[in-house]
Amino acid sequence: MGRWDFFDYKPSRPIPARGGIKAQSQRGAFGANWWGKRWIAVLEGFHLGARLSRGKNYARHGQVLSVTVNPGVVTASVQGSRKTP
């Protein structure tokens, strides 16, 4: 890869998801109740940077396919730019 090859970079776009869970908030704060707001505050405390912003954007566009909450573990299936969520 040469020094100037980054000019050919094309940002990836998420593959459209059918039947995804769409966030109620299209702009601004996430979380309608205290525990939702607290969950976001904890995630922001991990200083995930662009990853959390990208996750919020995915949620706003219905890219979240499922969320499973178990004691001590939260798992989500999110459709991003790869074929497999």
N, C-alpha and C. Protein backbone atom coordinates (compact mmCIF):
# COMPACT_ATOMS: atom_id res chain seq x y z
N MET A 1 0.85 -1.18 0.00
CA MET A 1 0.00 0.00 0.00
C MET A 1 0.89 1.23 0.00
N GLY A 2 0.63 2.13 -0.92
CA GLY A 2 1.43 3.34 -1.04
C GLY A 2 1.00 4.41 -0.06
N ARG A 3 1.77 5.47 -0.04
CA ARG A 3 1.54 6.56 0.90
C ARG A 3 0.19 7.24 0.69
N TRP A 4 -0.29 7.36 -0.52
CA TRP A 4 -1.50 8.11 -0.82
C TRP A 4 -2.71 7.22 -1.12
N ASP A 5 -2.60 5.93 -0.84
CA ASP A 5 -3.70 5.01 -1.14
C ASP A 5 -4.97 5.28 -0.33
N PHE A 6 -4.84 5.99 0.78
CA PHE A 6 -6.03 6.23 1.59
C PHE A 6 -7.03 7.14 0.89
N PHE A 7 -6.61 7.84 -0.17
CA PHE A 7 -7.55 8.66 -0.92
C PHE A 7 -8.58 7.81 -1.66
N ASP A 8 -8.29 6.54 -1.88
CA ASP A 8 -9.22 5.63 -2.53
C ASP A 8 -10.17 4.97 -1.54
N TYR A 9 -10.05 5.31 -0.26
CA TYR A 9 -10.87 4.71 0.79
C TYR A 9 -12.34 5.08 0.60
N LYS A 10 -13.19 4.08 0.63
CA LYS A 10 -14.63 4.30 0.56
C LYS A 10 -15.24 3.75 1.85
N PRO A 11 -15.88 4.60 2.65
CA PRO A 11 -16.44 4.11 3.91
C PRO A 11 -17.51 3.06 3.67
N SER A 12 -17.54 2.06 4.55
CA SER A 12 -18.54 1.01 4.42
C SER A 12 -19.88 1.51 4.93
N ARG A 13 -20.92 0.91 4.45
CA ARG A 13 -22.28 1.24 4.88
C ARG A 13 -22.93 -0.03 5.41
N PRO A 14 -23.77 0.11 6.44
CA PRO A 14 -24.45 -1.08 6.95
C PRO A 14 -25.40 -1.66 5.92
N ILE A 15 -25.50 -2.96 5.93
CA ILE A 15 -26.46 -3.66 5.08
C ILE A 15 -27.85 -3.44 5.68
N PRO A 16 -28.82 -3.01 4.89
CA PRO A 16 -30.16 -2.78 5.45
C PRO A 16 -30.71 -4.04 6.14
N ALA A 17 -31.30 -3.85 7.32
CA ALA A 17 -31.85 -4.96 8.10
C ALA A 17 -33.37 -4.89 8.06
N ARG A 18 -33.99 -6.04 7.94
CA ARG A 18 -35.46 -6.12 7.97
C ARG A 18 -35.91 -6.53 9.37
N GLY A 19 -36.90 -5.84 9.87
CA GLY A 19 -37.49 -6.21 11.15
C GLY A 19 -36.61 -5.91 12.35
N GLY A 20 -35.66 -4.99 12.20
CA GLY A 20 -34.79 -4.65 13.31
C GLY A 20 -35.50 -3.83 14.37
N ILE A 21 -34.90 -3.76 15.53
CA ILE A 21 -35.42 -2.97 16.65
C ILE A 21 -34.93 -1.55 16.44
N LYS A 22 -35.85 -0.61 16.32
CA LYS A 22 -35.49 0.78 16.04
C LYS A 22 -35.60 1.61 17.31
N ALA A 23 -34.59 2.42 17.58
CA ALA A 23 -34.61 3.29 18.75
C ALA A 23 -35.70 4.33 18.61
N GLN A 24 -36.30 4.70 19.72
CA GLN A 24 -37.34 5.73 19.69
C GLN A 24 -36.73 7.11 19.46
N SER A 25 -35.50 7.30 19.91
CA SER A 25 -34.82 8.58 19.78
C SER A 25 -34.11 8.68 18.43
N GLN A 26 -34.49 9.63 17.61
CA GLN A 26 -33.81 9.84 16.34
C GLN A 26 -32.67 10.85 16.48
N ARG A 27 -32.71 11.65 17.54
CA ARG A 27 -31.63 12.58 17.87
C ARG A 27 -31.63 12.78 19.37
N GLY A 28 -30.50 13.20 19.88
CA GLY A 28 -30.43 13.51 21.30
C GLY A 28 -30.22 12.29 22.18
N ALA A 29 -30.71 12.38 23.41
CA ALA A 29 -30.45 11.38 24.43
C ALA A 29 -31.16 10.07 24.17
N PHE A 30 -30.53 9.00 24.62
CA PHE A 30 -31.13 7.67 24.59
C PHE A 30 -31.67 7.36 25.97
N GLY A 31 -32.68 6.53 26.05
CA GLY A 31 -33.22 6.09 27.33
C GLY A 31 -34.40 6.92 27.78
N ALA A 32 -35.54 6.27 27.92
CA ALA A 32 -36.75 6.97 28.35
C ALA A 32 -36.96 6.86 29.86
N ASN A 33 -36.37 5.85 30.48
CA ASN A 33 -36.56 5.66 31.92
C ASN A 33 -35.21 5.65 32.62
N TRP A 34 -35.21 5.56 33.93
CA TRP A 34 -33.98 5.69 34.70
C TRP A 34 -32.97 4.60 34.37
N TRP A 35 -33.43 3.35 34.18
CA TRP A 35 -32.48 2.27 33.96
C TRP A 35 -31.88 2.34 32.55
N GLY A 36 -32.66 2.82 31.59
CA GLY A 36 -32.13 2.99 30.24
C GLY A 36 -31.07 4.08 30.21
N LYS A 37 -31.35 5.18 30.90
CA LYS A 37 -30.38 6.27 30.98
C LYS A 37 -29.12 5.82 31.73
N ARG A 38 -29.32 5.03 32.77
CA ARG A 38 -28.17 4.53 33.54
C ARG A 38 -27.32 3.59 32.71
N TRP A 39 -27.97 2.74 31.91
CA TRP A 39 -27.25 1.80 31.05
C TRP A 39 -26.36 2.56 30.06
N ILE A 40 -26.91 3.59 29.44
CA ILE A 40 -26.13 4.41 28.50
C ILE A 40 -24.99 5.11 29.23
N ALA A 41 -25.26 5.62 30.44
CA ALA A 41 -24.21 6.30 31.21
C ALA A 41 -23.05 5.34 31.53
N VAL A 42 -23.38 4.11 31.88
CA VAL A 42 -22.33 3.12 32.16
C VAL A 42 -21.52 2.84 30.89
N LEU A 43 -22.21 2.65 29.76
CA LEU A 43 -21.49 2.42 28.50
C LEU A 43 -20.58 3.60 28.16
N GLU A 44 -21.07 4.82 28.35
CA GLU A 44 -20.25 6.01 28.08
C GLU A 44 -19.05 6.07 29.01
N GLY A 45 -19.17 5.50 30.22
CA GLY A 45 -18.06 5.47 31.17
C GLY A 45 -16.92 4.57 30.73
N PHE A 46 -17.18 3.66 29.79
CA PHE A 46 -16.12 2.80 29.27
C PHE A 46 -15.27 3.51 28.22
N HIS A 47 -15.64 4.74 27.85
CA HIS A 47 -14.89 5.53 26.85
C HIS A 47 -14.67 4.73 25.57
N LEU A 48 -15.76 4.27 24.99
CA LEU A 48 -15.70 3.47 23.78
C LEU A 48 -15.53 4.32 22.52
N GLY A 49 -15.62 5.63 22.66
CA GLY A 49 -15.40 6.53 21.54
C GLY A 49 -16.39 6.34 20.41
N ALA A 50 -15.87 6.20 19.20
CA ALA A 50 -16.70 6.11 18.01
C ALA A 50 -17.56 4.85 17.99
N ARG A 51 -17.15 3.83 18.70
CA ARG A 51 -17.90 2.57 18.71
C ARG A 51 -19.30 2.77 19.29
N LEU A 52 -19.42 3.51 20.39
CA LEU A 52 -20.73 3.75 20.99
C LEU A 52 -21.58 4.64 20.09
N SER A 53 -20.97 5.64 19.48
CA SER A 53 -21.69 6.51 18.55
C SER A 53 -22.22 5.71 17.36
N ARG A 54 -21.39 4.80 16.85
CA ARG A 54 -21.81 3.96 15.73
C ARG A 54 -22.96 3.05 16.16
N GLY A 55 -22.88 2.52 17.39
CA GLY A 55 -23.94 1.67 17.92
C GLY A 55 -25.27 2.43 18.04
N LYS A 56 -25.21 3.67 18.50
CA LYS A 56 -26.42 4.48 18.60
C LYS A 56 -27.00 4.74 17.21
N ASN A 57 -26.13 4.99 16.26
CA ASN A 57 -26.58 5.22 14.89
C ASN A 57 -27.25 3.97 14.33
N TYR A 58 -26.65 2.81 14.57
CA TYR A 58 -27.26 1.54 14.15
C TYR A 58 -28.64 1.38 14.78
N ALA A 59 -28.75 1.69 16.07
CA ALA A 59 -30.02 1.57 16.77
C ALA A 59 -31.07 2.50 16.19
N ARG A 60 -30.66 3.71 15.84
CA ARG A 60 -31.61 4.68 15.27
C ARG A 60 -32.12 4.24 13.90
N HIS A 61 -31.33 3.44 13.19
CA HIS A 61 -31.71 3.02 11.84
C HIS A 61 -32.27 1.59 11.80
N GLY A 62 -32.54 0.99 12.95
CA GLY A 62 -33.17 -0.32 12.99
C GLY A 62 -32.24 -1.47 12.64
N GLN A 63 -30.94 -1.31 12.87
CA GLN A 63 -29.96 -2.34 12.54
C GLN A 63 -29.80 -3.38 13.66
N VAL A 64 -30.40 -3.14 14.82
CA VAL A 64 -30.33 -4.08 15.93
C VAL A 64 -31.38 -5.17 15.70
N LEU A 65 -30.93 -6.40 15.55
CA LEU A 65 -31.83 -7.50 15.24
C LEU A 65 -32.40 -8.17 16.48
N SER A 66 -31.60 -8.25 17.54
CA SER A 66 -32.08 -8.85 18.79
C SER A 66 -31.20 -8.41 19.95
N VAL A 67 -31.79 -8.43 21.14
CA VAL A 67 -31.06 -8.14 22.38
C VAL A 67 -31.48 -9.19 23.39
N THR A 68 -30.49 -9.81 24.03
CA THR A 68 -30.74 -10.81 25.06
C THR A 68 -30.07 -10.35 26.35
N VAL A 69 -30.82 -10.31 27.43
CA VAL A 69 -30.29 -9.89 28.73
C VAL A 69 -30.35 -11.07 29.67
N ASN A 70 -29.20 -11.48 30.19
CA ASN A 70 -29.07 -12.53 31.19
C ASN A 70 -28.25 -11.97 32.34
N PRO A 71 -28.31 -12.58 33.52
CA PRO A 71 -27.52 -12.07 34.65
C PRO A 71 -26.04 -11.92 34.28
N GLY A 72 -25.56 -10.69 34.31
CA GLY A 72 -24.15 -10.41 34.04
C GLY A 72 -23.76 -10.34 32.58
N VAL A 73 -24.70 -10.58 31.65
CA VAL A 73 -24.36 -10.59 30.23
C VAL A 73 -25.49 -10.00 29.40
N VAL A 74 -25.14 -9.07 28.52
CA VAL A 74 -26.09 -8.54 27.54
C VAL A 74 -25.50 -8.83 26.17
N THR A 75 -26.28 -9.49 25.31
CA THR A 75 -25.83 -9.86 23.98
C THR A 75 -26.79 -9.27 22.95
N ALA A 76 -26.23 -8.74 21.88
CA ALA A 76 -27.06 -8.18 20.81
C ALA A 76 -26.55 -8.66 19.46
N SER A 77 -27.46 -8.82 18.55
CA SER A 77 -27.13 -9.13 17.17
C SER A 77 -27.42 -7.87 16.36
N VAL A 78 -26.37 -7.32 15.73
CA VAL A 78 -26.48 -6.05 15.01
C VAL A 78 -26.00 -6.25 13.58
N GLN A 79 -26.79 -5.79 12.62
CA GLN A 79 -26.39 -5.88 11.22
C GLN A 79 -25.56 -4.66 10.85
N GLY A 80 -24.30 -4.89 10.61
CA GLY A 80 -23.41 -3.82 10.19
C GLY A 80 -23.10 -3.95 8.71
N SER A 81 -21.87 -3.71 8.34
CA SER A 81 -21.49 -3.75 6.93
C SER A 81 -21.06 -5.14 6.46
N ARG A 82 -20.88 -6.07 7.39
CA ARG A 82 -20.54 -7.45 7.01
C ARG A 82 -21.81 -8.25 6.74
N LYS A 83 -21.68 -9.31 5.94
CA LYS A 83 -22.86 -10.12 5.60
C LYS A 83 -23.51 -10.76 6.81
N THR A 84 -22.71 -11.23 7.76
CA THR A 84 -23.23 -11.89 8.95
C THR A 84 -23.28 -10.90 10.12
N PRO A 85 -24.47 -10.74 10.75
CA PRO A 85 -24.54 -9.83 11.90
C PRO A 85 -23.61 -10.23 13.03
